[in-house]
Amino acid sequence: VCQPLDVLKIRLQLQVEPVAASSQISKYRTIAQSLSCIYREEGLLAFWKGHNPAQVLSLVYGFSQFSCYERLNGVLRDVAVFKEHDRARNFFCGACSGSFAALTIMPLDVIRTRVISQDPGKGYKNAFQAFGMIYRLEGVRGLYRGVGPALLQIAPLTGGQFMFLNLFGGVVKKLEGLPETAPLPSTELFLCGGLAGLSTKLLVYPLDLTKKRLQIQGFSRNRTTFGRHFVCNHMVQCLYDVTRTEGLRGLYKGLSPSLLKAGLTSAFYFSIYDGLLSLFNSGFRKAI
């Protein structure tokens, strides 16, 4: 459902030229024009480029993140320093579980970014070929390009999601007169999950853009129709060069589709996660 938003976001993030209606040198200028341009040049299926690695990425990431979070949260619940600080525990467990999940899926993230950003008819034909070529030509380092900003953003991103979810959920429970231990109704959980995703994504977005630009280093030969290729060696240089040449707004290219995707994804993740948790707990209670 969210894959077209991902394609649009990544294309805008990687464009060095301004994303502005007044720009005459930019391939992508506005959201509507960008969608039209992609459809006209590459067809409808272009909006699902990188779909296969993206689906595997989502499944592996979600399973790794939530299983790690539950296990760690259960262990730390009885630790003295966290007993009276639920939000701090939620943030810490979310940050650790997110970092673990990010390391697990990093090669898939690199493959997805490159497949989405490559010229039509060039580059990789499928995810398996992409993995083999990147490993052969660039080594393990190539499969983990952008891991620095990925880890820096994922800790506050996932930690913040769990923290904001509990914060917004607490507010909703007070407004509706529900006990603190009561589960959130499904609609309210969906909305709180969406707000949590929006809030945290907005805070760490420049790191996400930096990660994407690092992931395409060494890939310029397959990106000849997207304008000037951005060159950088590490995260600090990337942040500095984007700010210097594209301004602070350059750090937020592709923000609109990214926020929409983050809100929807987070809302669905937390709703599905809570539903599965309730199902398992119900099954466990019946078993005993």
C-alpha atoms as a PDB file:
ATOM      1  CA  VAL A   1       0.000   0.000   0.000  1.00  0.00           C
ATOM      2  CA  CYS A   2       2.766   2.445   0.955  1.00  0.00           C
ATOM      3  CA  GLN A   3       5.310   1.426  -1.700  1.00  0.00           C
ATOM      4  CA  PRO A   4       4.448   4.261  -4.163  1.00  0.00           C
ATOM      5  CA  LEU A   5       5.047   6.751  -1.335  1.00  0.00           C
ATOM      6  CA  ASP A   6       8.425   5.139  -0.703  1.00  0.00           C
ATOM      7  CA  VAL A   7       9.405   5.384  -4.373  1.00  0.00           C
ATOM      8  CA  LEU A   8       8.418   9.057  -4.495  1.00  0.00           C
ATOM      9  CA  LYS A   9      10.173   9.846  -1.217  1.00  0.00           C
ATOM     10  CA  ILE A  10      13.454   8.224  -2.235  1.00  0.00           C
ATOM     11  CA  ARG A  11      13.464   9.880  -5.672  1.00  0.00           C
ATOM     12  CA  LEU A  12      12.990  13.301  -4.042  1.00  0.00           C
ATOM     13  CA  GLN A  13      15.569  12.628  -1.321  1.00  0.00           C
ATOM     14  CA  LEU A  14      18.249  11.767  -3.872  1.00  0.00           C
ATOM     15  CA  GLN A  15      17.663  14.758  -6.158  1.00  0.00           C
ATOM     16  CA  VAL A  16      20.382  17.387  -5.749  1.00  0.00           C
ATOM     17  CA  GLU A  17      18.481  20.028  -7.722  1.00  0.00           C
ATOM     18  CA  PRO A  18      15.706  21.978  -5.909  1.00  0.00           C
ATOM     19  CA  VAL A  19      12.317  20.352  -5.395  1.00  0.00           C
ATOM     20  CA  ALA A  20      10.409  23.489  -6.355  1.00  0.00           C
ATOM     21  CA  ALA A  21       7.779  24.367  -8.952  1.00  0.00           C
ATOM     22  CA  SER A  22       9.857  27.341 -10.109  1.00  0.00           C
ATOM     23  CA  SER A  23      12.994  25.287 -10.828  1.00  0.00           C
ATOM     24  CA  GLN A  24      13.716  24.780 -14.531  1.00  0.00           C
ATOM     25  CA  ILE A  25      16.648  22.402 -13.995  1.00  0.00           C
ATOM     26  CA  SER A  26      14.927  19.836 -11.773  1.00  0.00           C
ATOM     27  CA  LYS A  27      13.521  16.512 -12.928  1.00  0.00           C
ATOM     28  CA  TYR A  28      11.085  16.437 -10.019  1.00  0.00           C
ATOM     29  CA  ARG A  29       9.527  19.764  -8.966  1.00  0.00           C
ATOM     30  CA  THR A  30       6.269  19.074  -7.109  1.00  0.00           C
ATOM     31  CA  ILE A  31       4.488  15.993  -5.771  1.00  0.00           C
ATOM     32  CA  ALA A  32       1.921  15.917  -8.596  1.00  0.00           C
ATOM     33  CA  GLN A  33       4.506  16.619 -11.308  1.00  0.00           C
ATOM     34  CA  SER A  34       6.825  13.949  -9.888  1.00  0.00           C
ATOM     35  CA  LEU A  35       4.088  11.314  -9.904  1.00  0.00           C
ATOM     36  CA  SER A  36       3.164  12.259 -13.458  1.00  0.00           C
ATOM     37  CA  CYS A  37       6.811  12.183 -14.580  1.00  0.00           C
ATOM     38  CA  ILE A  38       7.459   8.725 -13.097  1.00  0.00           C
ATOM     39  CA  TYR A  39       4.283   7.333 -14.663  1.00  0.00           C
ATOM     40  CA  ARG A  40       4.980   8.896 -18.076  1.00  0.00           C
ATOM     41  CA  GLU A  41       8.616   7.762 -18.284  1.00  0.00           C
ATOM     42  CA  GLU A  42       8.463   4.364 -16.553  1.00  0.00           C
ATOM     43  CA  GLY A  43       4.848   3.264 -16.390  1.00  0.00           C
ATOM     44  CA  LEU A  44       2.597   2.268 -13.494  1.00  0.00           C
ATOM     45  CA  LEU A  45       4.824  -0.581 -12.287  1.00  0.00           C
ATOM     46  CA  ALA A  46       7.589   1.929 -11.497  1.00  0.00           C
ATOM     47  CA  PHE A  47       5.693   2.847  -8.326  1.00  0.00           C
ATOM     48  CA  TRP A  48       6.327  -0.699  -7.080  1.00  0.00           C
ATOM     49  CA  LYS A  49      10.050  -0.798  -7.819  1.00  0.00           C
ATOM     50  CA  GLY A  50      11.886  -2.466  -4.960  1.00  0.00           C
ATOM     51  CA  HIS A  51       8.613  -3.963  -3.733  1.00  0.00           C
ATOM     52  CA  ASN A  52       9.978  -7.465  -3.054  1.00  0.00           C
ATOM     53  CA  PRO A  53      12.950  -6.449  -0.873  1.00  0.00           C
ATOM     54  CA  ALA A  54      10.700  -3.849   0.774  1.00  0.00           C
ATOM     55  CA  GLN A  55       8.148  -6.506   1.778  1.00  0.00           C
ATOM     56  CA  VAL A  56      10.792  -8.837   3.188  1.00  0.00           C
ATOM     57  CA  LEU A  57      12.389  -5.847   4.918  1.00  0.00           C
ATOM     58  CA  SER A  58       9.096  -4.874   6.569  1.00  0.00           C
ATOM     59  CA  LEU A  59       8.386  -8.397   7.803  1.00  0.00           C
ATOM     60  CA  VAL A  60      11.887  -9.011   9.151  1.00  0.00           C
ATOM     61  CA  TYR A  61      12.088  -5.543  10.675  1.00  0.00           C
ATOM     62  CA  GLY A  62       8.709  -5.784  12.386  1.00  0.00           C
ATOM     63  CA  PHE A  63       9.356  -9.270  13.780  1.00  0.00           C
ATOM     64  CA  SER A  64      12.875  -8.368  14.982  1.00  0.00           C
ATOM     65  CA  GLN A  65      11.801  -5.079  16.525  1.00  0.00           C
ATOM     66  CA  PHE A  66       8.724  -6.215  18.413  1.00  0.00           C
ATOM     67  CA  SER A  67      10.107  -9.556  19.608  1.00  0.00           C
ATOM     68  CA  CYS A  68      13.252  -7.839  20.899  1.00  0.00           C
ATOM     69  CA  TYR A  69      11.164  -5.069  22.503  1.00  0.00           C
ATOM     70  CA  GLU A  70       8.897  -7.468  24.378  1.00  0.00           C
ATOM     71  CA  ARG A  71      11.762  -9.597  25.647  1.00  0.00           C
ATOM     72  CA  LEU A  72      13.853  -6.617  26.763  1.00  0.00           C
ATOM     73  CA  ASN A  73      10.870  -4.819  28.279  1.00  0.00           C
ATOM     74  CA  GLY A  74      10.012  -7.906  30.309  1.00  0.00           C
ATOM     75  CA  VAL A  75      13.563  -8.117  31.666  1.00  0.00           C
ATOM     76  CA  LEU A  76      13.866  -4.411  32.532  1.00  0.00           C
ATOM     77  CA  ARG A  77      10.421  -4.138  34.113  1.00  0.00           C
ATOM     78  CA  ASP A  78      11.873  -5.428  37.394  1.00  0.00           C
ATOM     79  CA  VAL A  79      15.065  -3.343  37.272  1.00  0.00           C
ATOM     80  CA  ALA A  80      14.978  -0.693  40.001  1.00  0.00           C
ATOM     81  CA  VAL A  81      15.923   2.304  37.843  1.00  0.00           C
ATOM     82  CA  PHE A  82      13.086   1.567  35.362  1.00  0.00           C
ATOM     83  CA  LYS A  83      10.341   0.541  37.813  1.00  0.00           C
ATOM     84  CA  GLU A  84       9.040   4.075  38.313  1.00  0.00           C
ATOM     85  CA  HIS A  85      10.002   5.448  34.891  1.00  0.00           C
ATOM     86  CA  ASP A  86       7.809   3.716  32.332  1.00  0.00           C
ATOM     87  CA  ARG A  87       8.483   6.219  29.538  1.00  0.00           C
ATOM     88  CA  ALA A  88      12.237   5.942  29.963  1.00  0.00           C
ATOM     89  CA  ARG A  89      11.952   2.144  29.836  1.00  0.00           C
ATOM     90  CA  ASN A  90       9.733   2.308  26.753  1.00  0.00           C
ATOM     91  CA  PHE A  91      12.208   4.607  25.010  1.00  0.00           C
ATOM     92  CA  PHE A  92      15.256   2.527  25.929  1.00  0.00           C
ATOM     93  CA  CYS A  93      13.667  -0.779  24.912  1.00  0.00           C
ATOM     94  CA  GLY A  94      12.384   0.748  21.696  1.00  0.00           C
ATOM     95  CA  ALA A  95      15.794   2.203  20.867  1.00  0.00           C
ATOM     96  CA  CYS A  96      17.606  -1.095  21.463  1.00  0.00           C
ATOM     97  CA  SER A  97      15.065  -3.172  19.552  1.00  0.00           C
ATOM     98  CA  GLY A  98      15.078  -0.701  16.661  1.00  0.00           C
ATOM     99  CA  SER A  99      18.867  -0.748  16.422  1.00  0.00           C
ATOM    100  CA  PHE A 100      18.881  -4.544  16.388  1.00  0.00           C
ATOM    101  CA  ALA A 101      16.221  -4.630  13.664  1.00  0.00           C
ATOM    102  CA  ALA A 102      18.035  -1.968  11.588  1.00  0.00           C
ATOM    103  CA  LEU A 103      21.253  -3.986  11.558  1.00  0.00           C
ATOM    104  CA  THR A 104      19.298  -7.081  10.550  1.00  0.00           C
ATOM    105  CA  ILE A 105      17.650  -5.502   7.499  1.00  0.00           C
ATOM    106  CA  MET A 106      20.378  -3.071   6.362  1.00  0.00           C
ATOM    107  CA  PRO A 107      21.420  -5.041   3.222  1.00  0.00           C
ATOM    108  CA  LEU A 108      17.768  -5.176   2.119  1.00  0.00           C
ATOM    109  CA  ASP A 109      17.468  -1.422   2.662  1.00  0.00           C
ATOM    110  CA  VAL A 110      20.501  -0.740   0.454  1.00  0.00           C
ATOM    111  CA  ILE A 111      19.115  -3.022  -2.279  1.00  0.00           C
ATOM    112  CA  ARG A 112      15.680  -1.380  -2.134  1.00  0.00           C
ATOM    113  CA  THR A 113      17.135   2.129  -2.384  1.00  0.00           C
ATOM    114  CA  ARG A 114      19.292   1.246  -5.377  1.00  0.00           C
ATOM    115  CA  VAL A 115      16.527  -0.586  -7.244  1.00  0.00           C
ATOM    116  CA  ILE A 116      14.195   2.395  -6.782  1.00  0.00           C
ATOM    117  CA  SER A 117      16.848   4.925  -7.796  1.00  0.00           C
ATOM    118  CA  GLN A 118      18.316   3.209 -10.866  1.00  0.00           C
ATOM    119  CA  ASP A 119      17.629   4.175 -14.496  1.00  0.00           C
ATOM    120  CA  PRO A 120      14.991   2.114 -16.338  1.00  0.00           C
ATOM    121  CA  GLY A 121      16.658  -0.891 -17.960  1.00  0.00           C
ATOM    122  CA  LYS A 122      19.907  -0.464 -16.028  1.00  0.00           C
ATOM    123  CA  GLY A 123      21.338  -1.798 -12.801  1.00  0.00           C
ATOM    124  CA  TYR A 124      19.933  -4.829 -11.003  1.00  0.00           C
ATOM    125  CA  LYS A 125      17.266  -7.169 -12.371  1.00  0.00           C
ATOM    126  CA  ASN A 126      16.247  -8.570  -8.991  1.00  0.00           C
ATOM    127  CA  ALA A 127      17.188  -8.543  -5.309  1.00  0.00           C
ATOM    128  CA  PHE A 128      19.310 -11.706  -5.500  1.00  0.00           C
ATOM    129  CA  GLN A 129      21.413 -10.302  -8.333  1.00  0.00           C
ATOM    130  CA  ALA A 130      21.717  -7.003  -6.468  1.00  0.00           C
ATOM    131  CA  PHE A 131      22.980  -8.728  -3.322  1.00  0.00           C
ATOM    132  CA  GLY A 132      25.553 -10.730  -5.283  1.00  0.00           C
ATOM    133  CA  MET A 133      26.816  -7.760  -7.308  1.00  0.00           C
ATOM    134  CA  ILE A 134      27.093  -5.424  -4.335  1.00  0.00           C
ATOM    135  CA  TYR A 135      28.946  -8.049  -2.307  1.00  0.00           C
ATOM    136  CA  ARG A 136      31.277  -8.914  -5.192  1.00  0.00           C
ATOM    137  CA  LEU A 137      32.085  -5.325  -6.205  1.00  0.00           C
ATOM    138  CA  GLU A 138      31.895  -3.502  -2.855  1.00  0.00           C
ATOM    139  CA  GLY A 139      32.180  -6.193  -0.207  1.00  0.00           C
ATOM    140  CA  VAL A 140      30.263  -6.318   3.067  1.00  0.00           C
ATOM    141  CA  ARG A 141      30.793  -2.570   3.423  1.00  0.00           C
ATOM    142  CA  GLY A 142      28.637  -2.004   0.340  1.00  0.00           C
ATOM    143  CA  LEU A 143      25.731  -3.883   1.912  1.00  0.00           C
ATOM    144  CA  TYR A 144      25.964  -1.678   5.002  1.00  0.00           C
ATOM    145  CA  ARG A 145      26.349   1.730   3.362  1.00  0.00           C
ATOM    146  CA  GLY A 146      24.544   4.314   5.458  1.00  0.00           C
ATOM    147  CA  VAL A 147      24.564   2.180   8.602  1.00  0.00           C
ATOM    148  CA  GLY A 148      25.864   5.112  10.712  1.00  0.00           C
ATOM    149  CA  PRO A 149      22.924   7.486  10.183  1.00  0.00           C
ATOM    150  CA  ALA A 150      20.591   4.463  10.145  1.00  0.00           C
ATOM    151  CA  LEU A 151      21.562   3.563  13.710  1.00  0.00           C
ATOM    152  CA  LEU A 152      21.614   7.192  14.840  1.00  0.00           C
ATOM    153  CA  GLN A 153      18.089   7.748  13.576  1.00  0.00           C
ATOM    154  CA  ILE A 154      16.595   4.378  14.425  1.00  0.00           C
ATOM    155  CA  ALA A 155      17.262   4.571  18.172  1.00  0.00           C
ATOM    156  CA  PRO A 156      15.325   7.841  18.707  1.00  0.00           C
ATOM    157  CA  LEU A 157      12.866   6.848  15.959  1.00  0.00           C
ATOM    158  CA  THR A 158      11.733   3.540  17.427  1.00  0.00           C
ATOM    159  CA  GLY A 159      12.342   4.586  21.013  1.00  0.00           C
ATOM    160  CA  GLY A 160      10.309   7.719  20.372  1.00  0.00           C
ATOM    161  CA  GLN A 161       7.514   5.741  18.711  1.00  0.00           C
ATOM    162  CA  PHE A 162       6.972   3.570  21.771  1.00  0.00           C
ATOM    163  CA  MET A 163       7.363   6.569  24.092  1.00  0.00           C
ATOM    164  CA  PHE A 164       4.934   8.768  22.112  1.00  0.00           C
ATOM    165  CA  LEU A 165       2.486   5.877  21.715  1.00  0.00           C
ATOM    166  CA  ASN A 166       2.327   5.456  25.482  1.00  0.00           C
ATOM    167  CA  LEU A 167       2.192   9.242  25.970  1.00  0.00           C
ATOM    168  CA  PHE A 168      -0.665   9.787  23.507  1.00  0.00           C
ATOM    169  CA  GLY A 169      -2.364   6.620  24.727  1.00  0.00           C
ATOM    170  CA  GLY A 170      -2.239   7.902  28.306  1.00  0.00           C
ATOM    171  CA  VAL A 171      -3.850  11.188  27.260  1.00  0.00           C
ATOM    172  CA  VAL A 172      -6.621   9.354  25.394  1.00  0.00           C
ATOM    173  CA  LYS A 173      -7.318   7.093  28.380  1.00  0.00           C
ATOM    174  CA  LYS A 174      -7.648  10.135  30.673  1.00  0.00           C
ATOM    175  CA  LEU A 175      -9.987  11.883  28.232  1.00  0.00           C
ATOM    176  CA  GLU A 176     -12.165   8.774  27.915  1.00  0.00           C
ATOM    177  CA  GLY A 177     -12.007   7.897  31.614  1.00  0.00           C
ATOM    178  CA  LEU A 178     -10.284   4.547  31.051  1.00  0.00           C
ATOM    179  CA  PRO A 179      -8.005   2.905  33.654  1.00  0.00           C
ATOM    180  CA  GLU A 180      -4.268   3.162  32.965  1.00  0.00           C
ATOM    181  CA  THR A 181      -3.994  -0.608  32.590  1.00  0.00           C
ATOM    182  CA  ALA A 182      -6.893  -0.849  30.126  1.00  0.00           C
ATOM    183  CA  PRO A 183      -6.034  -1.543  26.470  1.00  0.00           C
ATOM    184  CA  LEU A 184      -6.708   1.237  23.966  1.00  0.00           C
ATOM    185  CA  PRO A 185      -9.719   0.744  21.679  1.00  0.00           C
ATOM    186  CA  SER A 186      -8.662  -0.167  18.136  1.00  0.00           C
ATOM    187  CA  THR A 187      -9.516   3.204  16.549  1.00  0.00           C
ATOM    188  CA  GLU A 188      -7.691   5.192  19.219  1.00  0.00           C
ATOM    189  CA  LEU A 189      -4.704   2.828  19.008  1.00  0.00           C
ATOM    190  CA  PHE A 190      -4.540   3.342  15.232  1.00  0.00           C
ATOM    191  CA  LEU A 191      -4.613   7.139  15.633  1.00  0.00           C
ATOM    192  CA  CYS A 192      -2.066   7.172  18.476  1.00  0.00           C
ATOM    193  CA  GLY A 193       0.238   4.894  16.492  1.00  0.00           C
ATOM    194  CA  GLY A 194      -0.007   7.215  13.497  1.00  0.00           C
ATOM    195  CA  LEU A 195       0.744  10.306  15.595  1.00  0.00           C
ATOM    196  CA  ALA A 196       3.706   8.529  17.189  1.00  0.00           C
ATOM    197  CA  GLY A 197       5.125   7.724  13.750  1.00  0.00           C
ATOM    198  CA  LEU A 198       4.665  11.295  12.495  1.00  0.00           C
ATOM    199  CA  SER A 199       6.230  12.871  15.577  1.00  0.00           C
ATOM    200  CA  THR A 200       9.381  10.785  15.568  1.00  0.00           C
ATOM    201  CA  LYS A 201       9.922  10.812  11.787  1.00  0.00           C
ATOM    202  CA  LEU A 202       9.867  14.597  11.754  1.00  0.00           C
ATOM    203  CA  LEU A 203      12.621  14.721  14.378  1.00  0.00           C
ATOM    204  CA  VAL A 204      15.088  12.398  12.629  1.00  0.00           C
ATOM    205  CA  TYR A 205      14.312  13.023   8.961  1.00  0.00           C
ATOM    206  CA  PRO A 206      17.679  14.613   7.973  1.00  0.00           C
ATOM    207  CA  LEU A 207      19.419  11.400   9.056  1.00  0.00           C
ATOM    208  CA  ASP A 208      17.119   9.360   6.823  1.00  0.00           C
ATOM    209  CA  LEU A 209      18.007  11.542   3.834  1.00  0.00           C
ATOM    210  CA  THR A 210      21.698  11.190   4.690  1.00  0.00           C
ATOM    211  CA  LYS A 211      21.368   7.403   4.859  1.00  0.00           C
ATOM    212  CA  LYS A 212      19.752   7.262   1.423  1.00  0.00           C
ATOM    213  CA  ARG A 213      22.464   9.395  -0.179  1.00  0.00           C
ATOM    214  CA  LEU A 214      25.206   7.253   1.318  1.00  0.00           C
ATOM    215  CA  GLN A 215      23.509   4.098   0.044  1.00  0.00           C
ATOM    216  CA  ILE A 216      23.892   5.145  -3.606  1.00  0.00           C
ATOM    217  CA  GLN A 217      27.603   5.997  -3.429  1.00  0.00           C
ATOM    218  CA  GLY A 218      29.446   4.006  -6.091  1.00  0.00           C
ATOM    219  CA  PHE A 219      26.208   3.544  -8.043  1.00  0.00           C
ATOM    220  CA  SER A 220      26.358   6.628 -10.303  1.00  0.00           C
ATOM    221  CA  ARG A 221      26.831   4.615 -13.516  1.00  0.00           C
ATOM    222  CA  ASN A 222      23.252   3.374 -13.161  1.00  0.00           C
ATOM    223  CA  ARG A 223      21.809   6.815 -12.346  1.00  0.00           C
ATOM    224  CA  THR A 224      22.424   8.995 -15.406  1.00  0.00           C
ATOM    225  CA  THR A 225      18.908  10.373 -15.969  1.00  0.00           C
ATOM    226  CA  PHE A 226      18.235  11.848 -12.528  1.00  0.00           C
ATOM    227  CA  GLY A 227      20.372  14.979 -12.629  1.00  0.00           C
ATOM    228  CA  ARG A 228      23.606  15.630 -10.774  1.00  0.00           C
ATOM    229  CA  HIS A 229      24.977  12.768  -8.717  1.00  0.00           C
ATOM    230  CA  PHE A 230      25.684  13.575  -5.072  1.00  0.00           C
ATOM    231  CA  VAL A 231      29.121  12.447  -3.874  1.00  0.00           C
ATOM    232  CA  CYS A 232      30.125  12.035  -0.222  1.00  0.00           C
ATOM    233  CA  ASN A 233      32.267   9.705   1.862  1.00  0.00           C
ATOM    234  CA  HIS A 234      30.652   9.778   5.291  1.00  0.00           C
ATOM    235  CA  MET A 235      27.692  11.079   7.275  1.00  0.00           C
ATOM    236  CA  VAL A 236      29.177  14.363   8.514  1.00  0.00           C
ATOM    237  CA  GLN A 237      30.362  15.330   5.038  1.00  0.00           C
ATOM    238  CA  CYS A 238      26.948  14.458   3.628  1.00  0.00           C
ATOM    239  CA  LEU A 239      25.081  16.629   6.135  1.00  0.00           C
ATOM    240  CA  TYR A 240      27.518  19.507   5.614  1.00  0.00           C
ATOM    241  CA  ASP A 241      27.432  19.373   1.812  1.00  0.00           C
ATOM    242  CA  VAL A 242      23.641  19.121   1.619  1.00  0.00           C
ATOM    243  CA  THR A 243      23.257  22.119   3.933  1.00  0.00           C
ATOM    244  CA  ARG A 244      25.910  24.122   2.072  1.00  0.00           C
ATOM    245  CA  THR A 245      24.696  23.469  -1.470  1.00  0.00           C
ATOM    246  CA  GLU A 246      20.954  22.873  -0.996  1.00  0.00           C
ATOM    247  CA  GLY A 247      20.202  24.782   2.202  1.00  0.00           C
ATOM    248  CA  LEU A 248      18.395  23.524   5.292  1.00  0.00           C
ATOM    249  CA  ARG A 249      15.364  22.724   3.132  1.00  0.00           C
ATOM    250  CA  GLY A 250      17.547  20.235   1.289  1.00  0.00           C
ATOM    251  CA  LEU A 251      17.649  18.083   4.423  1.00  0.00           C
ATOM    252  CA  TYR A 252      13.862  17.727   4.245  1.00  0.00           C
ATOM    253  CA  LYS A 253      13.379  16.791   0.587  1.00  0.00           C
ATOM    254  CA  GLY A 254      10.637  14.197   0.242  1.00  0.00           C
ATOM    255  CA  LEU A 255       9.245  14.993   3.701  1.00  0.00           C
ATOM    256  CA  SER A 256       5.541  15.034   2.719  1.00  0.00           C
ATOM    257  CA  PRO A 257       5.304  11.483   1.308  1.00  0.00           C
ATOM    258  CA  SER A 258       7.627  10.307   4.078  1.00  0.00           C
ATOM    259  CA  LEU A 259       5.373  11.642   6.848  1.00  0.00           C
ATOM    260  CA  LEU A 260       2.296  10.151   5.219  1.00  0.00           C
ATOM    261  CA  LYS A 261       4.011   6.780   4.930  1.00  0.00           C
ATOM    262  CA  ALA A 262       5.411   6.970   8.484  1.00  0.00           C
ATOM    263  CA  GLY A 263       1.994   7.745   9.958  1.00  0.00           C
ATOM    264  CA  LEU A 264       0.223   4.953   8.069  1.00  0.00           C
ATOM    265  CA  THR A 265       2.976   2.382   8.653  1.00  0.00           C
ATOM    266  CA  SER A 266       3.259   3.123  12.358  1.00  0.00           C
ATOM    267  CA  ALA A 267      -0.514   3.039  12.818  1.00  0.00           C
ATOM    268  CA  PHE A 268      -0.794  -0.353  11.084  1.00  0.00           C
ATOM    269  CA  TYR A 269       2.275  -1.757  12.868  1.00  0.00           C
ATOM    270  CA  PHE A 270       1.018  -0.941  16.343  1.00  0.00           C
ATOM    271  CA  SER A 271      -2.543  -2.056  15.561  1.00  0.00           C
ATOM    272  CA  ILE A 272      -1.387  -5.425  14.190  1.00  0.00           C
ATOM    273  CA  TYR A 273       1.166  -5.811  16.990  1.00  0.00           C
ATOM    274  CA  ASP A 274      -1.448  -5.131  19.676  1.00  0.00           C
ATOM    275  CA  GLY A 275      -3.930  -7.480  18.015  1.00  0.00           C
ATOM    276  CA  LEU A 276      -1.421 -10.331  17.826  1.00  0.00           C
ATOM    277  CA  LEU A 277      -0.317  -9.707  21.416  1.00  0.00           C
ATOM    278  CA  SER A 278      -3.928  -9.878  22.626  1.00  0.00           C
ATOM    279  CA  LEU A 279      -4.488 -13.043  20.594  1.00  0.00           C
ATOM    280  CA  PHE A 280      -1.421 -14.775  22.018  1.00  0.00           C
ATOM    281  CA  ASN A 281      -2.231 -13.696  25.583  1.00  0.00           C
ATOM    282  CA  SER A 282      -5.807 -14.931  25.168  1.00  0.00           C
ATOM    283  CA  GLY A 283      -4.586 -18.259  23.827  1.00  0.00           C
ATOM    284  CA  PHE A 284      -2.125 -18.577  26.690  1.00  0.00           C
ATOM    285  CA  ARG A 285      -4.800 -17.881  29.310  1.00  0.00           C
ATOM    286  CA  LYS A 286      -7.074 -20.527  27.753  1.00  0.00           C
ATOM    287  CA  ALA A 287      -4.228 -23.035  27.718  1.00  0.00           C
ATOM    288  CA  ILE A 288      -3.709 -22.697  31.457  1.00  0.00           C
END
